Amino acid sequence: SQELEDCIQLLYAKGMSNSNIIDFIKHTYGVN
Protein backbone atom coordinates (compact mmCIF):
# COMPACT_ATOMS: atom_id res chain seq x y z
CA SER A 1 0.00 0.00 0.00
CA GLN A 2 2.91 2.36 0.69
CA GLU A 3 4.38 1.46 -2.66
CA LEU A 4 1.06 2.29 -4.28
CA GLU A 5 0.93 5.57 -2.41
CA ASP A 6 4.39 6.45 -3.75
CA CYS A 7 3.14 5.57 -7.22
CA ILE A 8 0.03 7.72 -6.77
CA GLN A 9 2.11 10.69 -5.66
CA LEU A 10 4.42 10.28 -8.64
CA LEU A 11 1.47 10.13 -11.06
CA TYR A 12 -0.05 13.18 -9.39
CA ALA A 13 3.22 15.04 -9.87
CA LYS A 14 3.15 14.19 -13.56
CA GLY A 15 -0.21 15.91 -13.90
CA MET A 16 -2.63 12.97 -13.96
CA SER A 17 -6.10 13.63 -12.63
CA ASN A 18 -7.43 11.68 -9.63
CA SER A 19 -9.73 9.64 -11.89
CA ASN A 20 -6.87 8.75 -14.24
CA ILE A 21 -4.71 7.74 -11.29
CA ILE A 22 -7.50 5.47 -10.00
CA ASP A 23 -7.84 3.82 -13.41
CA PHE A 24 -4.08 3.35 -13.75
CA ILE A 25 -3.68 1.81 -10.27
CA LYS A 26 -6.65 -0.48 -10.82
CA HIS A 27 -5.44 -1.83 -14.17
CA THR A 28 -1.77 -2.03 -13.17
CA TYR A 29 -1.95 -3.27 -9.57
CA GLY A 30 -5.48 -4.57 -9.34
CA VAL A 31 -6.20 -2.33 -6.35
CA ASN A 32 -9.25 -0.09 -6.12
PDB file of all heavy atoms in Angstrom:
ATOM      1  N   SER A   1       0.834  -1.205   0.000  1.00  0.00           N
ATOM      2  CA  SER A   1       0.000   0.000   0.000  1.00  0.00           C
ATOM      3  C   SER A   1       0.868   1.253   0.000  1.00  0.00           C
ATOM      4  O   SER A   1       0.555   2.241  -0.648  1.00  0.00           O
ATOM      5  CB  SER A   1      -0.945   0.007   1.206  1.00  0.00           C
ATOM      6  OG  SER A   1      -0.227   0.033   2.418  1.00  0.00           O
ATOM      7  N   GLN A   2       2.000   1.220   0.712  1.00  0.00           N
ATOM      8  CA  GLN A   2       2.909   2.356   0.693  1.00  0.00           C
ATOM      9  C   GLN A   2       3.532   2.530  -0.684  1.00  0.00           C
ATOM     10  O   GLN A   2       3.720   3.647  -1.161  1.00  0.00           O
ATOM     11  CB  GLN A   2       4.001   2.161   1.747  1.00  0.00           C
ATOM     12  CG  GLN A   2       3.501   2.365   3.176  1.00  0.00           C
ATOM     13  CD  GLN A   2       4.589   2.082   4.187  1.00  0.00           C
ATOM     14  OE1 GLN A   2       5.224   1.028   4.136  1.00  0.00           O
ATOM     15  NE2 GLN A   2       4.798   3.009   5.095  1.00  0.00           N
ATOM     16  N   GLU A   3       3.844   1.392  -1.309  1.00  0.00           N
ATOM     17  CA  GLU A   3       4.380   1.461  -2.661  1.00  0.00           C
ATOM     18  C   GLU A   3       3.365   2.098  -3.607  1.00  0.00           C
ATOM     19  O   GLU A   3       3.710   2.904  -4.466  1.00  0.00           O
ATOM     20  CB  GLU A   3       4.730   0.054  -3.155  1.00  0.00           C
ATOM     21  CG  GLU A   3       5.948  -0.550  -2.501  1.00  0.00           C
ATOM     22  CD  GLU A   3       7.202   0.214  -2.875  1.00  0.00           C
ATOM     23  OE1 GLU A   3       7.626   0.133  -4.026  1.00  0.00           O
ATOM     24  OE2 GLU A   3       7.734   0.919  -2.009  1.00  0.00           O
ATOM     25  N   LEU A   4       2.105   1.715  -3.445  1.00  0.00           N
ATOM     26  CA  LEU A   4       1.060   2.288  -4.277  1.00  0.00           C
ATOM     27  C   LEU A   4       0.897   3.779  -3.996  1.00  0.00           C
ATOM     28  O   LEU A   4       0.662   4.564  -4.913  1.00  0.00           O
ATOM     29  CB  LEU A   4      -0.274   1.567  -4.035  1.00  0.00           C
ATOM     30  CG  LEU A   4      -0.348   0.120  -4.548  1.00  0.00           C
ATOM     31  CD1 LEU A   4      -1.669  -0.504  -4.151  1.00  0.00           C
ATOM     32  CD2 LEU A   4      -0.184   0.084  -6.058  1.00  0.00           C
ATOM     33  N   GLU A   5       1.034   4.151  -2.741  1.00  0.00           N
ATOM     34  CA  GLU A   5       0.933   5.568  -2.407  1.00  0.00           C
ATOM     35  C   GLU A   5       2.060   6.356  -3.066  1.00  0.00           C
ATOM     36  O   GLU A   5       1.840   7.465  -3.576  1.00  0.00           O
ATOM     37  CB  GLU A   5       0.967   5.738  -0.888  1.00  0.00           C
ATOM     38  CG  GLU A   5      -0.318   5.270  -0.208  1.00  0.00           C
ATOM     39  CD  GLU A   5      -0.272   5.419   1.296  1.00  0.00           C
ATOM     40  OE1 GLU A   5       0.671   6.087   1.782  1.00  0.00           O
ATOM     41  OE2 GLU A   5      -1.168   4.886   1.967  1.00  0.00           O
ATOM     42  N   ASP A   6       3.267   5.794  -3.063  1.00  0.00           N
ATOM     43  CA  ASP A   6       4.386   6.452  -3.749  1.00  0.00           C
ATOM     44  C   ASP A   6       4.082   6.603  -5.231  1.00  0.00           C
ATOM     45  O   ASP A   6       4.374   7.628  -5.850  1.00  0.00           O
ATOM     46  CB  ASP A   6       5.675   5.657  -3.567  1.00  0.00           C
ATOM     47  CG  ASP A   6       6.194   5.710  -2.141  1.00  0.00           C
ATOM     48  OD1 ASP A   6       5.755   6.610  -1.396  1.00  0.00           O
ATOM     49  OD2 ASP A   6       7.006   4.853  -1.772  1.00  0.00           O
ATOM     50  N   CYS A   7       3.491   5.537  -5.801  1.00  0.00           N
ATOM     51  CA  CYS A   7       3.136   5.567  -7.224  1.00  0.00           C
ATOM     52  C   CYS A   7       2.084   6.640  -7.488  1.00  0.00           C
ATOM     53  O   CYS A   7       2.182   7.396  -8.457  1.00  0.00           O
ATOM     54  CB  CYS A   7       2.619   4.197  -7.659  1.00  0.00           C
ATOM     55  SG  CYS A   7       2.115   4.116  -9.387  1.00  0.00           S
ATOM     56  N   ILE A   8       1.091   6.724  -6.615  1.00  0.00           N
ATOM     57  CA  ILE A   8       0.027   7.721  -6.771  1.00  0.00           C
ATOM     58  C   ILE A   8       0.612   9.127  -6.723  1.00  0.00           C
ATOM     59  O   ILE A   8       0.268   9.995  -7.536  1.00  0.00           O
ATOM     60  CB  ILE A   8      -1.041   7.537  -5.673  1.00  0.00           C
ATOM     61  CG1 ILE A   8      -1.857   6.261  -5.946  1.00  0.00           C
ATOM     62  CG2 ILE A   8      -1.975   8.743  -5.595  1.00  0.00           C
ATOM     63  CD1 ILE A   8      -2.782   5.872  -4.808  1.00  0.00           C
ATOM     64  N   GLN A   9       1.506   9.371  -5.776  1.00  0.00           N
ATOM     65  CA  GLN A   9       2.109  10.690  -5.662  1.00  0.00           C
ATOM     66  C   GLN A   9       2.934  11.043  -6.898  1.00  0.00           C
ATOM     67  O   GLN A   9       2.929  12.187  -7.366  1.00  0.00           O
ATOM     68  CB  GLN A   9       2.964  10.758  -4.398  1.00  0.00           C
ATOM     69  CG  GLN A   9       2.125  10.716  -3.124  1.00  0.00           C
ATOM     70  CD  GLN A   9       2.961  10.723  -1.871  1.00  0.00           C
ATOM     71  OE1 GLN A   9       4.190  10.643  -1.933  1.00  0.00           O
ATOM     72  NE2 GLN A   9       2.306  10.827  -0.729  1.00  0.00           N
ATOM     73  N   LEU A  10       3.632  10.053  -7.431  1.00  0.00           N
ATOM     74  CA  LEU A  10       4.418  10.284  -8.640  1.00  0.00           C
ATOM     75  C   LEU A  10       3.509  10.628  -9.815  1.00  0.00           C
ATOM     76  O   LEU A  10       3.777  11.564 -10.579  1.00  0.00           O
ATOM     77  CB  LEU A  10       5.256   9.046  -8.965  1.00  0.00           C
ATOM     78  CG  LEU A  10       6.082   9.110 -10.257  1.00  0.00           C
ATOM     79  CD1 LEU A  10       7.102  10.234 -10.165  1.00  0.00           C
ATOM     80  CD2 LEU A  10       6.776   7.786 -10.519  1.00  0.00           C
ATOM     81  N   LEU A  11       2.416   9.871  -9.974  1.00  0.00           N
ATOM     82  CA  LEU A  11       1.472  10.134 -11.064  1.00  0.00           C
ATOM     83  C   LEU A  11       0.830  11.510 -10.900  1.00  0.00           C
ATOM     84  O   LEU A  11       0.615  12.225 -11.874  1.00  0.00           O
ATOM     85  CB  LEU A  11       0.392   9.049 -11.107  1.00  0.00           C
ATOM     86  CG  LEU A  11       0.878   7.633 -11.455  1.00  0.00           C
ATOM     87  CD1 LEU A  11      -0.258   6.641 -11.277  1.00  0.00           C
ATOM     88  CD2 LEU A  11       1.420   7.576 -12.877  1.00  0.00           C
ATOM     89  N   TYR A  12       0.526  11.868  -9.667  1.00  0.00           N
ATOM     90  CA  TYR A  12      -0.053  13.179  -9.391  1.00  0.00           C
ATOM     91  C   TYR A  12       0.924  14.278  -9.806  1.00  0.00           C
ATOM     92  O   TYR A  12       0.540  15.290 -10.392  1.00  0.00           O
ATOM     93  CB  TYR A  12      -0.378  13.287  -7.901  1.00  0.00           C
ATOM     94  CG  TYR A  12      -1.191  14.510  -7.535  1.00  0.00           C
ATOM     95  CD1 TYR A  12      -2.579  14.462  -7.505  1.00  0.00           C
ATOM     96  CD2 TYR A  12      -0.574  15.706  -7.209  1.00  0.00           C
ATOM     97  CE1 TYR A  12      -3.329  15.571  -7.176  1.00  0.00           C
ATOM     98  CE2 TYR A  12      -1.320  16.827  -6.882  1.00  0.00           C
ATOM     99  CZ  TYR A  12      -2.698  16.754  -6.856  1.00  0.00           C
ATOM    100  OH  TYR A  12      -3.423  17.867  -6.536  1.00  0.00           O
ATOM    101  N   ALA A  13       2.197  14.061  -9.502  1.00  0.00           N
ATOM    102  CA  ALA A  13       3.217  15.037  -9.868  1.00  0.00           C
ATOM    103  C   ALA A  13       3.321  15.207 -11.375  1.00  0.00           C
ATOM    104  O   ALA A  13       3.633  16.291 -11.867  1.00  0.00           O
ATOM    105  CB  ALA A  13       4.577  14.606  -9.308  1.00  0.00           C
ATOM    106  N   LYS A  14       3.053  14.131 -12.108  1.00  0.00           N
ATOM    107  CA  LYS A  14       3.149  14.192 -13.561  1.00  0.00           C
ATOM    108  C   LYS A  14       1.888  14.758 -14.206  1.00  0.00           C
ATOM    109  O   LYS A  14       1.759  14.785 -15.422  1.00  0.00           O
ATOM    110  CB  LYS A  14       3.461  12.800 -14.131  1.00  0.00           C
ATOM    111  CG  LYS A  14       4.870  12.317 -13.794  1.00  0.00           C
ATOM    112  CD  LYS A  14       5.157  10.975 -14.422  1.00  0.00           C
ATOM    113  CE  LYS A  14       6.586  10.534 -14.144  1.00  0.00           C
ATOM    114  NZ  LYS A  14       7.595  11.389 -14.761  1.00  0.00           N
ATOM    115  N   GLY A  15       0.950  15.200 -13.365  1.00  0.00           N
ATOM    116  CA  GLY A  15      -0.211  15.913 -13.899  1.00  0.00           C
ATOM    117  C   GLY A  15      -1.440  15.074 -14.146  1.00  0.00           C
ATOM    118  O   GLY A  15      -2.410  15.568 -14.713  1.00  0.00           O
ATOM    119  N   MET A  16      -1.443  13.799 -13.750  1.00  0.00           N
ATOM    120  CA  MET A  16      -2.626  12.968 -13.963  1.00  0.00           C
ATOM    121  C   MET A  16      -3.734  13.373 -12.996  1.00  0.00           C
ATOM    122  O   MET A  16      -3.478  13.715 -11.845  1.00  0.00           O
ATOM    123  CB  MET A  16      -2.292  11.484 -13.765  1.00  0.00           C
ATOM    124  CG  MET A  16      -1.411  10.901 -14.846  1.00  0.00           C
ATOM    125  SD  MET A  16      -1.125   9.123 -14.621  1.00  0.00           S
ATOM    126  CE  MET A  16      -2.751   8.462 -14.997  1.00  0.00           C
ATOM    127  N   SER A  17      -4.962  13.325 -13.477  1.00  0.00           N
ATOM    128  CA  SER A  17      -6.102  13.626 -12.625  1.00  0.00           C
ATOM    129  C   SER A  17      -6.340  12.471 -11.653  1.00  0.00           C
ATOM    130  O   SER A  17      -5.844  11.356 -11.856  1.00  0.00           O
ATOM    131  CB  SER A  17      -7.353  13.851 -13.473  1.00  0.00           C
ATOM    132  OG  SER A  17      -7.729  12.648 -14.121  1.00  0.00           O
ATOM    133  N   ASN A  18      -7.130  12.738 -10.604  1.00  0.00           N
ATOM    134  CA  ASN A  18      -7.427  11.680  -9.635  1.00  0.00           C
ATOM    135  C   ASN A  18      -8.092  10.476 -10.299  1.00  0.00           C
ATOM    136  O   ASN A  18      -7.793   9.331  -9.992  1.00  0.00           O
ATOM    137  CB  ASN A  18      -8.330  12.227  -8.524  1.00  0.00           C
ATOM    138  CG  ASN A  18      -7.550  13.075  -7.537  1.00  0.00           C
ATOM    139  OD1 ASN A  18      -6.334  13.239  -7.665  1.00  0.00           O
ATOM    140  ND2 ASN A  18      -8.227  13.620  -6.548  1.00  0.00           N
ATOM    141  N   SER A  19      -9.027  10.745 -11.219  1.00  0.00           N
ATOM    142  CA  SER A  19      -9.735   9.641 -11.885  1.00  0.00           C
ATOM    143  C   SER A  19      -8.794   8.824 -12.751  1.00  0.00           C
ATOM    144  O   SER A  19      -8.891   7.584 -12.803  1.00  0.00           O
ATOM    145  CB  SER A  19     -10.884  10.191 -12.734  1.00  0.00           C
ATOM    146  OG  SER A  19     -10.412  11.097 -13.720  1.00  0.00           O
ATOM    147  N   ASN A  20      -7.849   9.484 -13.427  1.00  0.00           N
ATOM    148  CA  ASN A  20      -6.869   8.752 -14.242  1.00  0.00           C
ATOM    149  C   ASN A  20      -5.923   7.934 -13.370  1.00  0.00           C
ATOM    150  O   ASN A  20      -5.517   6.824 -13.744  1.00  0.00           O
ATOM    151  CB  ASN A  20      -6.063   9.727 -15.103  1.00  0.00           C
ATOM    152  CG  ASN A  20      -6.866  10.282 -16.260  1.00  0.00           C
ATOM    153  OD1 ASN A  20      -7.845   9.671 -16.690  1.00  0.00           O
ATOM    154  ND2 ASN A  20      -6.478  11.440 -16.760  1.00  0.00           N
ATOM    155  N   ILE A  21      -5.575   8.475 -12.213  1.00  0.00           N
ATOM    156  CA  ILE A  21      -4.713   7.738 -11.286  1.00  0.00           C
ATOM    157  C   ILE A  21      -5.421   6.475 -10.803  1.00  0.00           C
ATOM    158  O   ILE A  21      -4.840   5.390 -10.752  1.00  0.00           O
ATOM    159  CB  ILE A  21      -4.318   8.627 -10.091  1.00  0.00           C
ATOM    160  CG1 ILE A  21      -3.372   9.742 -10.544  1.00  0.00           C
ATOM    161  CG2 ILE A  21      -3.645   7.792  -8.987  1.00  0.00           C
ATOM    162  CD1 ILE A  21      -3.067  10.768  -9.480  1.00  0.00           C
ATOM    163  N   ILE A  22      -6.705   6.615 -10.462  1.00  0.00           N
ATOM    164  CA  ILE A  22      -7.499   5.474  -9.995  1.00  0.00           C
ATOM    165  C   ILE A  22      -7.545   4.381 -11.058  1.00  0.00           C
ATOM    166  O   ILE A  22      -7.344   3.204 -10.775  1.00  0.00           O
ATOM    167  CB  ILE A  22      -8.926   5.930  -9.630  1.00  0.00           C
ATOM    168  CG1 ILE A  22      -8.880   6.815  -8.378  1.00  0.00           C
ATOM    169  CG2 ILE A  22      -9.842   4.728  -9.385  1.00  0.00           C
ATOM    170  CD1 ILE A  22     -10.164   7.553  -8.107  1.00  0.00           C
ATOM    171  N   ASP A  23      -7.785   4.788 -12.317  1.00  0.00           N
ATOM    172  CA  ASP A  23      -7.837   3.821 -13.414  1.00  0.00           C
ATOM    173  C   ASP A  23      -6.491   3.125 -13.600  1.00  0.00           C
ATOM    174  O   ASP A  23      -6.425   1.901 -13.806  1.00  0.00           O
ATOM    175  CB  ASP A  23      -8.245   4.516 -14.718  1.00  0.00           C
ATOM    176  CG  ASP A  23      -9.709   4.928 -14.718  1.00  0.00           C
ATOM    177  OD1 ASP A  23     -10.470   4.386 -13.889  1.00  0.00           O
ATOM    178  OD2 ASP A  23     -10.084   5.794 -15.521  1.00  0.00           O
ATOM    179  N   PHE A  24      -5.411   3.917 -13.541  1.00  0.00           N
ATOM    180  CA  PHE A  24      -4.077   3.354 -13.748  1.00  0.00           C
ATOM    181  C   PHE A  24      -3.748   2.334 -12.656  1.00  0.00           C
ATOM    182  O   PHE A  24      -3.271   1.230 -12.943  1.00  0.00           O
ATOM    183  CB  PHE A  24      -3.026   4.465 -13.749  1.00  0.00           C
ATOM    184  CG  PHE A  24      -1.613   3.964 -13.899  1.00  0.00           C
ATOM    185  CD1 PHE A  24      -1.084   3.731 -15.153  1.00  0.00           C
ATOM    186  CD2 PHE A  24      -0.823   3.716 -12.783  1.00  0.00           C
ATOM    187  CE1 PHE A  24       0.217   3.258 -15.305  1.00  0.00           C
ATOM    188  CE2 PHE A  24       0.473   3.244 -12.914  1.00  0.00           C
ATOM    189  CZ  PHE A  24       0.983   3.018 -14.178  1.00  0.00           C
ATOM    190  N   ILE A  25      -3.982   2.695 -11.389  1.00  0.00           N
ATOM    191  CA  ILE A  25      -3.679   1.809 -10.272  1.00  0.00           C
ATOM    192  C   ILE A  25      -4.511   0.529 -10.359  1.00  0.00           C
ATOM    193  O   ILE A  25      -4.014  -0.577 -10.119  1.00  0.00           O
ATOM    194  CB  ILE A  25      -3.939   2.521  -8.932  1.00  0.00           C
ATOM    195  CG1 ILE A  25      -2.958   3.678  -8.741  1.00  0.00           C
ATOM    196  CG2 ILE A  25      -3.833   1.549  -7.760  1.00  0.00           C
ATOM    197  CD1 ILE A  25      -1.515   3.275  -8.637  1.00  0.00           C
ATOM    198  N   LYS A  26      -5.768   0.681 -10.737  1.00  0.00           N
ATOM    199  CA  LYS A  26      -6.650  -0.484 -10.820  1.00  0.00           C
ATOM    200  C   LYS A  26      -6.172  -1.463 -11.883  1.00  0.00           C
ATOM    201  O   LYS A  26      -6.110  -2.677 -11.648  1.00  0.00           O
ATOM    202  CB  LYS A  26      -8.080  -0.031 -11.130  1.00  0.00           C
ATOM    203  CG  LYS A  26      -9.081  -1.182 -11.216  1.00  0.00           C
ATOM    204  CD  LYS A  26     -10.483  -0.673 -11.481  1.00  0.00           C
ATOM    205  CE  LYS A  26     -11.477  -1.822 -11.575  1.00  0.00           C
ATOM    206  NZ  LYS A  26     -12.857  -1.341 -11.842  1.00  0.00           N
ATOM    207  N   HIS A  27      -5.823  -0.936 -13.075  1.00  0.00           N
ATOM    208  CA  HIS A  27      -5.439  -1.829 -14.168  1.00  0.00           C
ATOM    209  C   HIS A  27      -4.011  -2.358 -14.014  1.00  0.00           C
ATOM    210  O   HIS A  27      -3.695  -3.430 -14.521  1.00  0.00           O
ATOM    211  CB  HIS A  27      -5.572  -1.101 -15.508  1.00  0.00           C
ATOM    212  CG  HIS A  27      -6.996  -0.903 -15.940  1.00  0.00           C
ATOM    213  ND1 HIS A  27      -7.672   0.269 -15.699  1.00  0.00           N
ATOM    214  CD2 HIS A  27      -7.862  -1.730 -16.567  1.00  0.00           C
ATOM    215  CE1 HIS A  27      -8.913   0.156 -16.175  1.00  0.00           C
ATOM    216  NE2 HIS A  27      -9.053  -1.039 -16.701  1.00  0.00           N
ATOM    217  N   THR A  28      -3.157  -1.608 -13.303  1.00  0.00           N
ATOM    218  CA  THR A  28      -1.768  -2.033 -13.166  1.00  0.00           C
ATOM    219  C   THR A  28      -1.550  -2.920 -11.952  1.00  0.00           C
ATOM    220  O   THR A  28      -0.860  -3.934 -12.025  1.00  0.00           O
ATOM    221  CB  THR A  28      -0.837  -0.798 -13.067  1.00  0.00           C
ATOM    222  OG1 THR A  28      -1.065   0.043 -14.198  1.00  0.00           O
ATOM    223  CG2 THR A  28       0.622  -1.218 -13.047  1.00  0.00           C
ATOM    224  N   TYR A  29      -2.168  -2.541 -10.825  1.00  0.00           N
ATOM    225  CA  TYR A  29      -1.945  -3.269  -9.575  1.00  0.00           C
ATOM    226  C   TYR A  29      -3.154  -4.076  -9.121  1.00  0.00           C
ATOM    227  O   TYR A  29      -3.064  -4.849  -8.180  1.00  0.00           O
ATOM    228  CB  TYR A  29      -1.562  -2.292  -8.458  1.00  0.00           C
ATOM    229  CG  TYR A  29      -0.220  -1.635  -8.651  1.00  0.00           C
ATOM    230  CD1 TYR A  29      -0.122  -0.376  -9.232  1.00  0.00           C
ATOM    231  CD2 TYR A  29       0.955  -2.266  -8.267  1.00  0.00           C
ATOM    232  CE1 TYR A  29       1.103   0.246  -9.413  1.00  0.00           C
ATOM    233  CE2 TYR A  29       2.186  -1.665  -8.445  1.00  0.00           C
ATOM    234  CZ  TYR A  29       2.250  -0.406  -9.011  1.00  0.00           C
ATOM    235  OH  TYR A  29       3.466   0.197  -9.190  1.00  0.00           O
ATOM    236  N   GLY A  30      -4.285  -3.857  -9.750  1.00  0.00           N
ATOM    237  CA  GLY A  30      -5.485  -4.574  -9.344  1.00  0.00           C
ATOM    238  C   GLY A  30      -6.034  -4.112  -8.010  1.00  0.00           C
ATOM    239  O   GLY A  30      -6.708  -4.871  -7.307  1.00  0.00           O
ATOM    240  N   VAL A  31      -5.747  -2.875  -7.632  1.00  0.00           N
ATOM    241  CA  VAL A  31      -6.199  -2.331  -6.349  1.00  0.00           C
ATOM    242  C   VAL A  31      -7.137  -1.156  -6.620  1.00  0.00           C
ATOM    243  O   VAL A  31      -6.841  -0.290  -7.445  1.00  0.00           O
ATOM    244  CB  VAL A  31      -5.010  -1.861  -5.492  1.00  0.00           C
ATOM    245  CG1 VAL A  31      -5.499  -1.226  -4.189  1.00  0.00           C
ATOM    246  CG2 VAL A  31      -4.095  -3.045  -5.189  1.00  0.00           C
ATOM    247  N   ASN A  32      -8.262  -1.150  -5.934  1.00  0.00           N
ATOM    248  CA  ASN A  32      -9.251  -0.089  -6.123  1.00  0.00           C
ATOM    249  C   ASN A  32      -9.061   1.022  -5.086  1.00  0.00           C
ATOM    250  O   ASN A  32      -9.077   0.769  -3.885  1.00  0.00           O
ATOM    251  CB  ASN A  32     -10.671  -0.659  -5.999  1.00  0.00           C
ATOM    252  CG  ASN A  32     -11.018  -1.581  -7.149  1.00  0.00           C
ATOM    253  OD1 ASN A  32     -10.848  -1.219  -8.305  1.00  0.00           O
ATOM    254  ND2 ASN A  32     -11.475  -2.781  -6.832  1.00  0.00           N
TER     255      ASN A  32
END
